[in-house]
Every structure is written in structure tokens, then in C-alpha cells.
């Protein structure tokens, strides 16, 4: 983000590529908590806020005192990059089993 915001690196942050970032400390604590249970099957561990790659970049730039308006935007749709554009994981069922709170990006940034 820093290099893109200062213009020392070229590229773009996608506005159509959606994810649910989770704080690494929250993720680690939740994984440890799950490891010591009898939980089986799939458990989603994601943050509560769905944001685009560009939206995440803006939050980081604002946190770090950078000019977020300088972050280049782009669309991933139509590129050769593989994978789903919109990956929103519903962690509520897993969250209900945990003491660890999986914070959304708007809370931890």
C-alpha cells in the first residue's frame, strides 16, 4: 500500500475483488481454541466486514497517514487471474462456539 500510494510501485488494487480480512492474532487464537475442542468439519474463520482489495488499501493508507486518493483502482474481472471475485465467509456459526472474537477490518484497523 505504501509503495502504491507514493507512486514508487505500479499496479492497481481491485475494487471488485471482495474478501473478509481477519486480524492474524484473532485467527491464531481462534485456531488454537478450535484445536482443543471436539469440533469436526468445516469452520470458517473470517472477519465480519466484506471489503474490496482497494477498500482494504484505503483503510491501511488512512491508518498510516498516506493519501488514499493516490491508490490506483482496477477491476480483476476480465483479467487472467484465477479464483472467485467475491469470497464472503459466514463465520457466525463458528464464532458462536468460540470465546475469541473475530473482528472485522473496520474494528482492527
C-alpha atoms as a PDB file:
ATOM      1  CA  UNK A   1       0.000   0.000   0.000  1.00  0.00           C
ATOM      2  CA  UNK A   2       2.794   2.391   0.888  1.00  0.00           C
ATOM      3  CA  UNK A   3       4.580   1.904  -2.429  1.00  0.00           C
ATOM      4  CA  UNK A   4       1.362   2.251  -4.435  1.00  0.00           C
ATOM      5  CA  UNK A   5       0.290   5.372  -2.505  1.00  0.00           C
ATOM      6  CA  UNK A   6       3.662   7.038  -3.014  1.00  0.00           C
ATOM      7  CA  UNK A   7       3.901   6.064  -6.690  1.00  0.00           C
ATOM      8  CA  UNK A   8       7.105   4.066  -6.226  1.00  0.00           C
ATOM      9  CA  UNK A   9       5.340   0.937  -7.461  1.00  0.00           C
ATOM     10  CA  UNK A  10       2.904   0.441 -10.305  1.00  0.00           C
ATOM     11  CA  UNK A  11      -0.198  -1.687 -10.123  1.00  0.00           C
ATOM     12  CA  UNK A  12      -3.807  -1.468  -9.062  1.00  0.00           C
ATOM     13  CA  UNK A  13      -5.980  -2.502  -6.162  1.00  0.00           C
ATOM     14  CA  UNK A  14      -9.103  -4.254  -7.350  1.00  0.00           C
ATOM     15  CA  UNK A  15     -12.475  -2.761  -6.490  1.00  0.00           C
ATOM     16  CA  UNK A  16     -14.355  -5.929  -7.492  1.00  0.00           C
ATOM     17  CA  UNK A  17     -12.270  -8.448  -5.501  1.00  0.00           C
ATOM     18  CA  UNK A  18     -14.076  -8.891  -2.168  1.00  0.00           C
ATOM     19  CA  UNK A  19     -12.733 -10.632   0.928  1.00  0.00           C
ATOM     20  CA  UNK A  20     -13.360 -10.688   4.703  1.00  0.00           C
ATOM     21  CA  UNK A  21      -9.987  -9.884   6.317  1.00  0.00           C
ATOM     22  CA  UNK A  22      -9.347 -11.160   9.830  1.00  0.00           C
ATOM     23  CA  UNK A  23      -6.669  -9.965  12.243  1.00  0.00           C
ATOM     24  CA  UNK A  24      -3.862 -12.515  12.439  1.00  0.00           C
ATOM     25  CA  UNK A  25      -3.973 -12.510  16.262  1.00  0.00           C
ATOM     26  CA  UNK A  26      -7.700 -13.245  16.240  1.00  0.00           C
ATOM     27  CA  UNK A  27      -7.194 -16.008  13.679  1.00  0.00           C
ATOM     28  CA  UNK A  28      -4.371 -17.628  15.655  1.00  0.00           C
ATOM     29  CA  UNK A  29      -6.341 -17.530  18.911  1.00  0.00           C
ATOM     30  CA  UNK A  30      -9.443 -18.954  17.222  1.00  0.00           C
ATOM     31  CA  UNK A  31      -7.446 -21.775  15.603  1.00  0.00           C
ATOM     32  CA  UNK A  32      -5.876 -22.710  18.934  1.00  0.00           C
ATOM     33  CA  UNK A  33      -9.264 -22.617  20.587  1.00  0.00           C
ATOM     34  CA  UNK A  34     -10.761 -24.884  17.904  1.00  0.00           C
ATOM     35  CA  UNK A  35      -7.793 -27.276  18.103  1.00  0.00           C
ATOM     36  CA  UNK A  36      -8.624 -28.049  21.725  1.00  0.00           C
ATOM     37  CA  UNK A  37     -12.278 -28.894  21.075  1.00  0.00           C
ATOM     38  CA  UNK A  38     -14.007 -31.870  19.543  1.00  0.00           C
ATOM     39  CA  UNK A  39     -15.036 -29.719  16.545  1.00  0.00           C
ATOM     40  CA  UNK A  40     -15.222 -31.580  13.262  1.00  0.00           C
ATOM     41  CA  UNK A  41     -15.905 -30.475   9.715  1.00  0.00           C
ATOM     42  CA  UNK A  42     -15.524 -27.096   8.081  1.00  0.00           C
ATOM     43  CA  UNK A  43     -15.235 -23.958  10.196  1.00  0.00           C
ATOM     44  CA  UNK A  44     -15.000 -20.526   8.610  1.00  0.00           C
ATOM     45  CA  UNK A  45     -12.748 -18.047  10.403  1.00  0.00           C
ATOM     46  CA  UNK A  46     -13.031 -14.663   8.754  1.00  0.00           C
ATOM     47  CA  UNK A  47     -13.561 -11.076   9.758  1.00  0.00           C
ATOM     48  CA  UNK A  48     -17.061  -9.635   9.892  1.00  0.00           C
ATOM     49  CA  UNK A  49     -16.514  -6.951   7.230  1.00  0.00           C
ATOM     50  CA  UNK A  50     -16.516  -7.653   3.500  1.00  0.00           C
ATOM     51  CA  UNK A  51     -14.223  -5.201   1.708  1.00  0.00           C
ATOM     52  CA  UNK A  52     -12.571  -4.940  -1.680  1.00  0.00           C
ATOM     53  CA  UNK A  53      -8.808  -5.051  -2.064  1.00  0.00           C
ATOM     54  CA  UNK A  54      -8.986  -1.343  -2.817  1.00  0.00           C
ATOM     55  CA  UNK A  55     -11.169  -0.703   0.239  1.00  0.00           C
ATOM     56  CA  UNK A  56      -8.622  -2.501   2.417  1.00  0.00           C
ATOM     57  CA  UNK A  57      -5.854  -0.424   0.864  1.00  0.00           C
ATOM     58  CA  UNK A  58      -7.756   2.774   1.680  1.00  0.00           C
ATOM     59  CA  UNK A  59      -8.158   1.722   5.324  1.00  0.00           C
ATOM     60  CA  UNK A  60      -4.449   0.922   5.611  1.00  0.00           C
ATOM     61  CA  UNK A  61      -3.471   4.188   3.915  1.00  0.00           C
ATOM     62  CA  UNK A  62      -5.700   6.198   6.251  1.00  0.00           C
ATOM     63  CA  UNK A  63      -4.316   4.380   9.295  1.00  0.00           C
ATOM     64  CA  UNK A  64      -0.757   5.085   8.169  1.00  0.00           C
ATOM     65  CA  UNK A  65      -1.321   8.733   7.228  1.00  0.00           C
ATOM     66  CA  UNK A  66      -0.997   8.198   3.470  1.00  0.00           C
ATOM     67  CA  UNK A  67      -3.069   9.862   0.763  1.00  0.00           C
ATOM     68  CA  UNK A  68      -5.618   7.146  -0.003  1.00  0.00           C
ATOM     69  CA  UNK A  69      -6.802   9.020  -3.107  1.00  0.00           C
ATOM     70  CA  UNK A  70      -3.486   8.144  -4.756  1.00  0.00           C
ATOM     71  CA  UNK A  71      -4.161   4.392  -4.593  1.00  0.00           C
ATOM     72  CA  UNK A  72      -4.744   3.151  -8.138  1.00  0.00           C
ATOM     73  CA  UNK A  73      -8.019   1.307  -8.760  1.00  0.00           C
ATOM     74  CA  UNK A  74      -8.686  -1.503 -11.160  1.00  0.00           C
ATOM     75  CA  UNK A  75     -11.004  -4.401 -11.936  1.00  0.00           C
ATOM     76  CA  UNK A  76      -9.939  -8.006 -11.612  1.00  0.00           C
ATOM     77  CA  UNK A  77     -12.871  -9.177 -13.730  1.00  0.00           C
ATOM     78  CA  UNK A  78     -11.584  -9.784 -17.231  1.00  0.00           C
ATOM     79  CA  UNK A  79      -8.010 -10.479 -16.145  1.00  0.00           C
ATOM     80  CA  UNK A  80      -6.388 -13.897 -16.345  1.00  0.00           C
ATOM     81  CA  UNK A  81      -6.179 -14.156 -12.544  1.00  0.00           C
ATOM     82  CA  UNK A  82      -7.929 -17.271 -11.270  1.00  0.00           C
ATOM     83  CA  UNK A  83     -10.355 -17.520  -8.381  1.00  0.00           C
ATOM     84  CA  UNK A  84     -13.687 -16.170  -7.262  1.00  0.00           C
ATOM     85  CA  UNK A  85     -14.178 -12.410  -7.176  1.00  0.00           C
ATOM     86  CA  UNK A  86     -16.444 -12.347  -4.137  1.00  0.00           C
ATOM     87  CA  UNK A  87     -15.458 -14.554  -1.208  1.00  0.00           C
ATOM     88  CA  UNK A  88     -17.579 -13.701   1.818  1.00  0.00           C
ATOM     89  CA  UNK A  89     -17.281 -16.303   4.535  1.00  0.00           C
ATOM     90  CA  UNK A  90     -20.008 -16.568   7.162  1.00  0.00           C
ATOM     91  CA  UNK A  91     -18.148 -17.184  10.405  1.00  0.00           C
ATOM     92  CA  UNK A  92     -21.178 -16.743  12.673  1.00  0.00           C
ATOM     93  CA  UNK A  93     -21.680 -20.492  13.314  1.00  0.00           C
ATOM     94  CA  UNK A  94     -18.002 -20.873  14.240  1.00  0.00           C
ATOM     95  CA  UNK A  95     -17.979 -17.617  16.215  1.00  0.00           C
ATOM     96  CA  UNK A  96     -20.854 -18.942  18.345  1.00  0.00           C
ATOM     97  CA  UNK A  97     -18.573 -21.789  19.511  1.00  0.00           C
ATOM     98  CA  UNK A  98     -15.631 -19.541  20.407  1.00  0.00           C
ATOM     99  CA  UNK A  99     -14.635 -17.123  23.144  1.00  0.00           C
ATOM    100  CA  UNK A 100     -12.246 -15.431  20.690  1.00  0.00           C
ATOM    101  CA  UNK A 101     -13.856 -12.594  18.765  1.00  0.00           C
ATOM    102  CA  UNK A 102     -13.122 -12.440  15.049  1.00  0.00           C
ATOM    103  CA  UNK A 103     -13.041  -8.693  14.498  1.00  0.00           C
ATOM    104  CA  UNK A 104     -13.828  -7.022  11.214  1.00  0.00           C
ATOM    105  CA  UNK A 105     -11.273  -4.873   9.408  1.00  0.00           C
ATOM    106  CA  UNK A 106     -13.066  -1.650  10.366  1.00  0.00           C
ATOM    107  CA  UNK A 107     -12.503  -2.559  14.018  1.00  0.00           C
ATOM    108  CA  UNK A 108      -8.863  -3.672  13.946  1.00  0.00           C
ATOM    109  CA  UNK A 109      -7.652  -1.006  11.523  1.00  0.00           C
END
